[in-house]
Amino acid sequence: MRLGIPAPQPMRAVDYPAIRRLSQSMGRHAEPELWGSGECQLVIYNLDGQLLGWSRAHWWEPADATAPAG
């Protein structure tokens, strides 16, 4: 058993296949190659190298019914 806490890492193109597989396993259709380069994009893998999740954040403008500006 390996000890340690996985840390988020910047997303890279080599992460895209794992992101698509995880997304499909949840009934979704992520296309990370289409995401904006100006976003904050992170991935986190477990210590065995399995993708646990990803996150994206960017400035949203303008405010609308789904999301406020910011």
N, C-alpha and C. Protein backbone atom coordinates (compact mmCIF):
# COMPACT_ATOMS: atom_id res chain seq x y z
N MET A 1 0.85 -1.18 0.00
CA MET A 1 0.00 0.00 0.00
C MET A 1 0.88 1.23 0.00
N ARG A 2 0.61 2.14 -0.92
CA ARG A 2 1.36 3.38 -0.98
C ARG A 2 0.66 4.44 -0.15
N LEU A 3 1.45 5.23 0.54
CA LEU A 3 0.90 6.31 1.35
C LEU A 3 1.11 7.62 0.63
N GLY A 4 0.28 8.58 0.91
CA GLY A 4 0.40 9.89 0.30
C GLY A 4 -0.96 10.41 -0.08
N ILE A 5 -0.99 11.67 -0.36
CA ILE A 5 -2.23 12.34 -0.74
C ILE A 5 -2.05 12.87 -2.15
N PRO A 6 -2.90 12.46 -3.08
CA PRO A 6 -2.77 12.99 -4.44
C PRO A 6 -3.08 14.49 -4.46
N ALA A 7 -2.37 15.20 -5.29
CA ALA A 7 -2.56 16.64 -5.40
C ALA A 7 -3.04 16.99 -6.81
N PRO A 8 -3.90 17.99 -6.93
CA PRO A 8 -4.31 18.44 -8.26
C PRO A 8 -3.09 18.91 -9.06
N GLN A 9 -3.15 18.64 -10.36
CA GLN A 9 -2.09 19.03 -11.29
C GLN A 9 -2.70 19.79 -12.45
N PRO A 10 -1.93 20.64 -13.12
CA PRO A 10 -2.46 21.29 -14.32
C PRO A 10 -2.86 20.25 -15.37
N MET A 11 -3.97 20.49 -16.03
CA MET A 11 -4.44 19.60 -17.08
C MET A 11 -3.54 19.72 -18.30
N ARG A 12 -3.25 18.56 -18.92
CA ARG A 12 -2.45 18.52 -20.14
C ARG A 12 -3.18 17.69 -21.19
N ALA A 13 -2.77 17.81 -22.43
CA ALA A 13 -3.42 17.08 -23.51
C ALA A 13 -3.39 15.57 -23.27
N VAL A 14 -2.37 15.05 -22.60
CA VAL A 14 -2.30 13.61 -22.34
C VAL A 14 -3.39 13.16 -21.38
N ASP A 15 -4.04 14.09 -20.68
CA ASP A 15 -5.13 13.77 -19.76
C ASP A 15 -6.47 13.62 -20.47
N TYR A 16 -6.58 14.10 -21.69
CA TYR A 16 -7.87 14.14 -22.39
C TYR A 16 -8.53 12.77 -22.52
N PRO A 17 -7.81 11.71 -22.91
CA PRO A 17 -8.49 10.41 -23.02
C PRO A 17 -9.10 9.95 -21.69
N ALA A 18 -8.39 10.13 -20.59
CA ALA A 18 -8.92 9.73 -19.28
C ALA A 18 -10.13 10.58 -18.91
N ILE A 19 -10.10 11.86 -19.24
CA ILE A 19 -11.24 12.74 -18.96
C ILE A 19 -12.46 12.28 -19.75
N ARG A 20 -12.25 11.97 -21.04
CA ARG A 20 -13.38 11.50 -21.85
C ARG A 20 -13.94 10.18 -21.30
N ARG A 21 -13.07 9.24 -20.91
CA ARG A 21 -13.55 7.96 -20.37
C ARG A 21 -14.34 8.16 -19.08
N LEU A 22 -13.82 8.98 -18.17
CA LEU A 22 -14.53 9.23 -16.91
C LEU A 22 -15.86 9.92 -17.19
N SER A 23 -15.85 10.88 -18.09
CA SER A 23 -17.08 11.58 -18.45
C SER A 23 -18.12 10.60 -19.01
N GLN A 24 -17.71 9.73 -19.91
CA GLN A 24 -18.62 8.76 -20.50
C GLN A 24 -19.16 7.80 -19.44
N SER A 25 -18.34 7.45 -18.45
CA SER A 25 -18.80 6.54 -17.39
C SER A 25 -19.91 7.16 -16.56
N MET A 26 -20.02 8.50 -16.62
CA MET A 26 -21.06 9.21 -15.88
C MET A 26 -22.21 9.63 -16.79
N GLY A 27 -22.22 9.12 -18.04
CA GLY A 27 -23.29 9.43 -18.97
C GLY A 27 -23.17 10.82 -19.58
N ARG A 28 -21.97 11.37 -19.57
CA ARG A 28 -21.75 12.71 -20.13
C ARG A 28 -20.84 12.63 -21.34
N HIS A 29 -20.58 13.77 -21.96
CA HIS A 29 -19.80 13.80 -23.19
C HIS A 29 -18.81 14.98 -23.14
N ALA A 30 -17.76 14.85 -22.34
CA ALA A 30 -16.76 15.91 -22.25
C ALA A 30 -15.87 15.91 -23.49
N GLU A 31 -15.53 17.10 -23.97
CA GLU A 31 -14.62 17.26 -25.09
C GLU A 31 -13.52 18.24 -24.67
N PRO A 32 -12.55 17.79 -23.87
CA PRO A 32 -11.57 18.70 -23.30
C PRO A 32 -10.71 19.42 -24.34
N GLU A 33 -10.55 18.85 -25.52
CA GLU A 33 -9.75 19.54 -26.54
C GLU A 33 -10.43 20.82 -27.03
N LEU A 34 -11.71 20.98 -26.74
CA LEU A 34 -12.44 22.18 -27.15
C LEU A 34 -12.49 23.24 -26.05
N TRP A 35 -12.01 22.92 -24.85
CA TRP A 35 -12.07 23.87 -23.74
C TRP A 35 -11.09 25.00 -23.96
N GLY A 36 -11.40 26.17 -23.42
CA GLY A 36 -10.59 27.35 -23.63
C GLY A 36 -9.23 27.32 -22.93
N SER A 37 -8.24 27.85 -23.60
CA SER A 37 -6.89 27.88 -23.03
C SER A 37 -6.77 28.91 -21.91
N GLY A 38 -7.70 29.85 -21.80
CA GLY A 38 -7.65 30.86 -20.76
C GLY A 38 -8.29 30.42 -19.45
N GLU A 39 -8.70 29.17 -19.38
CA GLU A 39 -9.34 28.65 -18.17
C GLU A 39 -8.30 28.12 -17.20
N CYS A 40 -8.69 28.02 -15.96
CA CYS A 40 -7.92 27.27 -14.97
C CYS A 40 -8.42 25.83 -15.07
N GLN A 41 -7.55 24.90 -15.44
CA GLN A 41 -7.94 23.51 -15.65
C GLN A 41 -7.02 22.61 -14.83
N LEU A 42 -7.62 21.78 -13.99
CA LEU A 42 -6.86 20.89 -13.12
C LEU A 42 -7.37 19.46 -13.23
N VAL A 43 -6.50 18.51 -12.97
CA VAL A 43 -6.87 17.10 -12.87
C VAL A 43 -6.31 16.55 -11.57
N ILE A 44 -6.92 15.47 -11.10
CA ILE A 44 -6.38 14.78 -9.94
C ILE A 44 -6.49 13.27 -10.20
N TYR A 45 -5.37 12.60 -9.97
CA TYR A 45 -5.27 11.16 -10.14
C TYR A 45 -5.04 10.52 -8.78
N ASN A 46 -5.49 9.28 -8.61
CA ASN A 46 -5.16 8.57 -7.38
C ASN A 46 -3.71 8.09 -7.49
N LEU A 47 -3.20 7.50 -6.46
CA LEU A 47 -1.80 7.10 -6.43
C LEU A 47 -1.50 5.94 -7.39
N ASP A 48 -2.56 5.28 -7.89
CA ASP A 48 -2.38 4.21 -8.87
C ASP A 48 -2.49 4.73 -10.30
N GLY A 49 -2.66 6.03 -10.48
CA GLY A 49 -2.71 6.63 -11.81
C GLY A 49 -4.09 6.68 -12.43
N GLN A 50 -5.15 6.44 -11.66
CA GLN A 50 -6.52 6.51 -12.19
C GLN A 50 -7.06 7.92 -11.98
N LEU A 51 -7.63 8.50 -13.03
CA LEU A 51 -8.21 9.83 -12.93
C LEU A 51 -9.38 9.82 -11.97
N LEU A 52 -9.33 10.68 -10.97
CA LEU A 52 -10.43 10.82 -10.02
C LEU A 52 -11.39 11.92 -10.43
N GLY A 53 -10.87 12.97 -11.07
CA GLY A 53 -11.72 14.07 -11.48
C GLY A 53 -10.93 15.19 -12.11
N TRP A 54 -11.67 16.17 -12.60
CA TRP A 54 -11.07 17.36 -13.19
C TRP A 54 -11.92 18.55 -12.82
N SER A 55 -11.33 19.72 -12.98
CA SER A 55 -12.08 20.95 -12.73
C SER A 55 -11.67 21.99 -13.75
N ARG A 56 -12.60 22.89 -13.99
CA ARG A 56 -12.37 24.01 -14.91
C ARG A 56 -13.00 25.24 -14.30
N ALA A 57 -12.33 26.34 -14.47
CA ALA A 57 -12.90 27.61 -14.03
C ALA A 57 -12.48 28.69 -15.02
N HIS A 58 -13.39 29.59 -15.29
CA HIS A 58 -13.07 30.73 -16.15
C HIS A 58 -14.03 31.87 -15.83
N TRP A 59 -13.68 33.05 -16.29
CA TRP A 59 -14.53 34.21 -16.09
C TRP A 59 -15.76 34.07 -16.99
N TRP A 60 -16.94 34.19 -16.40
CA TRP A 60 -18.19 34.06 -17.15
C TRP A 60 -18.82 35.43 -17.30
N GLU A 61 -19.05 35.83 -18.52
CA GLU A 61 -19.61 37.14 -18.80
C GLU A 61 -20.59 36.97 -19.94
N PRO A 62 -21.73 37.48 -19.95
CA PRO A 62 -22.38 38.25 -18.90
C PRO A 62 -23.20 37.33 -17.97
N ALA A 63 -23.81 37.93 -16.99
CA ALA A 63 -24.69 37.17 -16.09
C ALA A 63 -25.90 36.67 -16.89
N ASP A 64 -26.36 35.48 -16.56
CA ASP A 64 -27.58 34.97 -17.18
C ASP A 64 -28.35 34.15 -16.15
N ALA A 65 -29.41 33.52 -16.56
CA ALA A 65 -30.26 32.78 -15.63
C ALA A 65 -29.56 31.56 -15.02
N THR A 66 -28.55 31.03 -15.71
CA THR A 66 -27.85 29.84 -15.23
C THR A 66 -26.70 30.18 -14.31
N ALA A 67 -25.95 31.23 -14.63
CA ALA A 67 -24.75 31.55 -13.84
C ALA A 67 -24.57 33.08 -13.78
N PRO A 68 -24.20 33.58 -12.62
CA PRO A 68 -23.91 35.01 -12.54
C PRO A 68 -22.58 35.33 -13.20
N ALA A 69 -22.36 36.57 -13.53
CA ALA A 69 -21.06 36.98 -14.06
C ALA A 69 -20.01 36.74 -12.99
N GLY A 70 -18.83 36.36 -13.42
CA GLY A 70 -17.74 36.18 -12.46
C GLY A 70 -17.09 34.85 -12.58
